[in-house]
């Protein structure tokens, strides 16, 4: 299923432009398909896909938390309660980014062991 969806998206994204056909350019997307295609779905490939998706979402969430905390800190200038909450949010976000980065490193190590 993932293979079919990936191929469909690659075909859609790399569809030949009619202007290219007029100019005599006919790009072949076989190399692009080969770089994204998963020939078979194994437990390792599935675990890798889920792992990378979850860590990507977590990283984005923590970076958004950091930005929100920074804006809250700037907008709460002078108010000790607001700046204190903003500082705590930024510290929590930095800890989350650090944990996500370390989980990425550990996960890559484990996935490399599983793939060999």
Protein backbone atom coordinates (compact mmCIF):
# COMPACT_ATOMS: atom_id res chain seq x y z
CA UNK A 1 0.00 0.00 0.00
CA UNK A 2 2.78 2.42 0.91
CA UNK A 3 4.55 1.44 -2.31
CA UNK A 4 1.48 2.24 -4.43
CA UNK A 5 0.87 5.58 -2.71
CA UNK A 6 4.54 6.54 -3.05
CA UNK A 7 4.58 5.68 -6.76
CA UNK A 8 1.35 7.60 -7.33
CA UNK A 9 2.72 10.70 -5.60
CA UNK A 10 6.02 10.51 -7.49
CA UNK A 11 4.21 10.09 -10.81
CA UNK A 12 1.98 13.04 -9.99
CA UNK A 13 4.84 15.27 -8.84
CA UNK A 14 7.11 14.44 -11.76
CA UNK A 15 4.53 14.46 -14.55
CA UNK A 16 5.92 15.79 -17.81
CA UNK A 17 5.17 19.42 -18.47
CA UNK A 18 3.49 20.03 -21.86
CA UNK A 19 5.95 22.87 -22.50
CA UNK A 20 8.82 20.42 -22.05
CA UNK A 21 7.25 18.12 -24.66
CA UNK A 22 7.05 21.03 -27.11
CA UNK A 23 10.71 21.84 -26.56
CA UNK A 24 11.67 18.20 -27.08
CA UNK A 25 12.52 17.53 -23.45
CA UNK A 26 11.11 14.26 -22.18
CA UNK A 27 12.33 13.76 -18.61
CA UNK A 28 12.47 10.21 -17.36
CA UNK A 29 11.52 9.76 -13.75
CA UNK A 30 12.76 6.22 -13.29
CA UNK A 31 15.71 7.30 -11.16
CA UNK A 32 13.37 9.30 -8.96
CA UNK A 33 11.10 6.28 -8.53
CA UNK A 34 14.04 4.06 -7.67
CA UNK A 35 15.24 6.42 -4.96
CA UNK A 36 11.84 6.55 -3.23
CA UNK A 37 10.43 3.10 -3.93
CA UNK A 38 10.29 0.43 -1.29
CA UNK A 39 10.40 -2.94 -3.03
CA UNK A 40 8.99 -4.91 -0.15
CA UNK A 41 7.53 -4.01 3.18
CA UNK A 42 9.43 -5.68 5.96
CA UNK A 43 9.00 -5.13 9.68
CA UNK A 44 12.25 -3.14 9.65
CA UNK A 45 11.02 -0.83 6.86
CA UNK A 46 7.69 -0.34 8.61
CA UNK A 47 9.38 0.38 11.95
CA UNK A 48 11.69 2.85 10.24
CA UNK A 49 8.81 4.65 8.57
CA UNK A 50 6.82 4.93 11.79
CA UNK A 51 9.91 5.94 13.76
CA UNK A 52 10.89 8.72 11.35
CA UNK A 53 7.32 10.02 11.14
CA UNK A 54 6.85 10.18 14.90
CA UNK A 55 10.21 11.85 15.49
CA UNK A 56 9.58 14.39 12.74
CA UNK A 57 6.24 15.35 14.24
CA UNK A 58 7.75 15.54 17.74
CA UNK A 59 10.60 17.75 16.52
CA UNK A 60 8.20 20.14 14.81
CA UNK A 61 5.97 20.31 17.91
CA UNK A 62 8.89 21.10 20.21
CA UNK A 63 10.27 23.76 17.87
CA UNK A 64 6.82 25.37 17.67
CA UNK A 65 6.65 25.29 21.47
CA UNK A 66 10.02 27.04 21.60
CA UNK A 67 8.85 29.74 19.21
CA UNK A 68 5.59 30.20 21.10
CA UNK A 69 7.50 30.51 24.37
CA UNK A 70 9.85 33.09 22.86
CA UNK A 71 6.96 35.19 21.57
CA UNK A 72 5.17 34.87 24.91
CA UNK A 73 8.33 36.03 26.65
CA UNK A 74 8.61 39.04 24.38
CA UNK A 75 4.95 39.96 24.65
CA UNK A 76 4.83 39.48 28.42
CA UNK A 77 7.61 42.00 29.08
CA UNK A 78 7.29 43.40 32.57
CA UNK A 79 4.78 40.84 33.82
CA UNK A 80 6.63 38.34 36.03
CA UNK A 81 3.92 35.69 35.82
CA UNK A 82 3.79 35.69 31.99
CA UNK A 83 7.55 35.74 31.54
CA UNK A 84 7.94 32.94 34.10
CA UNK A 85 5.47 30.75 32.20
CA UNK A 86 7.23 31.58 28.93
CA UNK A 87 10.64 30.68 30.38
CA UNK A 88 9.29 27.35 31.64
CA UNK A 89 7.76 26.62 28.21
CA UNK A 90 11.06 27.40 26.47
CA UNK A 91 13.04 25.20 28.89
CA UNK A 92 10.56 22.36 28.38
CA UNK A 93 10.80 22.78 24.61
CA UNK A 94 14.61 22.67 24.66
CA UNK A 95 14.49 19.52 26.79
CA UNK A 96 12.02 18.02 24.31
CA UNK A 97 14.27 18.85 21.36
CA UNK A 98 17.24 17.30 23.18
CA UNK A 99 15.26 14.14 23.95
CA UNK A 100 14.03 13.94 20.36
CA UNK A 101 17.58 14.32 19.03
CA UNK A 102 18.89 11.63 21.36
CA UNK A 103 15.98 9.33 20.45
CA UNK A 104 16.86 9.88 16.80
CA UNK A 105 20.46 8.83 17.40
CA UNK A 106 19.52 5.76 19.41
CA UNK A 107 16.85 4.79 16.90
CA UNK A 108 19.20 5.11 13.95
CA UNK A 109 21.69 2.88 15.75
CA UNK A 110 19.02 0.24 16.41
CA UNK A 111 17.65 0.42 12.87
CA UNK A 112 21.16 -0.01 11.47
CA UNK A 113 21.60 -3.11 13.62
CA UNK A 114 18.26 -4.50 12.43
CA UNK A 115 18.96 -3.87 8.76
CA UNK A 116 22.25 -5.77 8.73
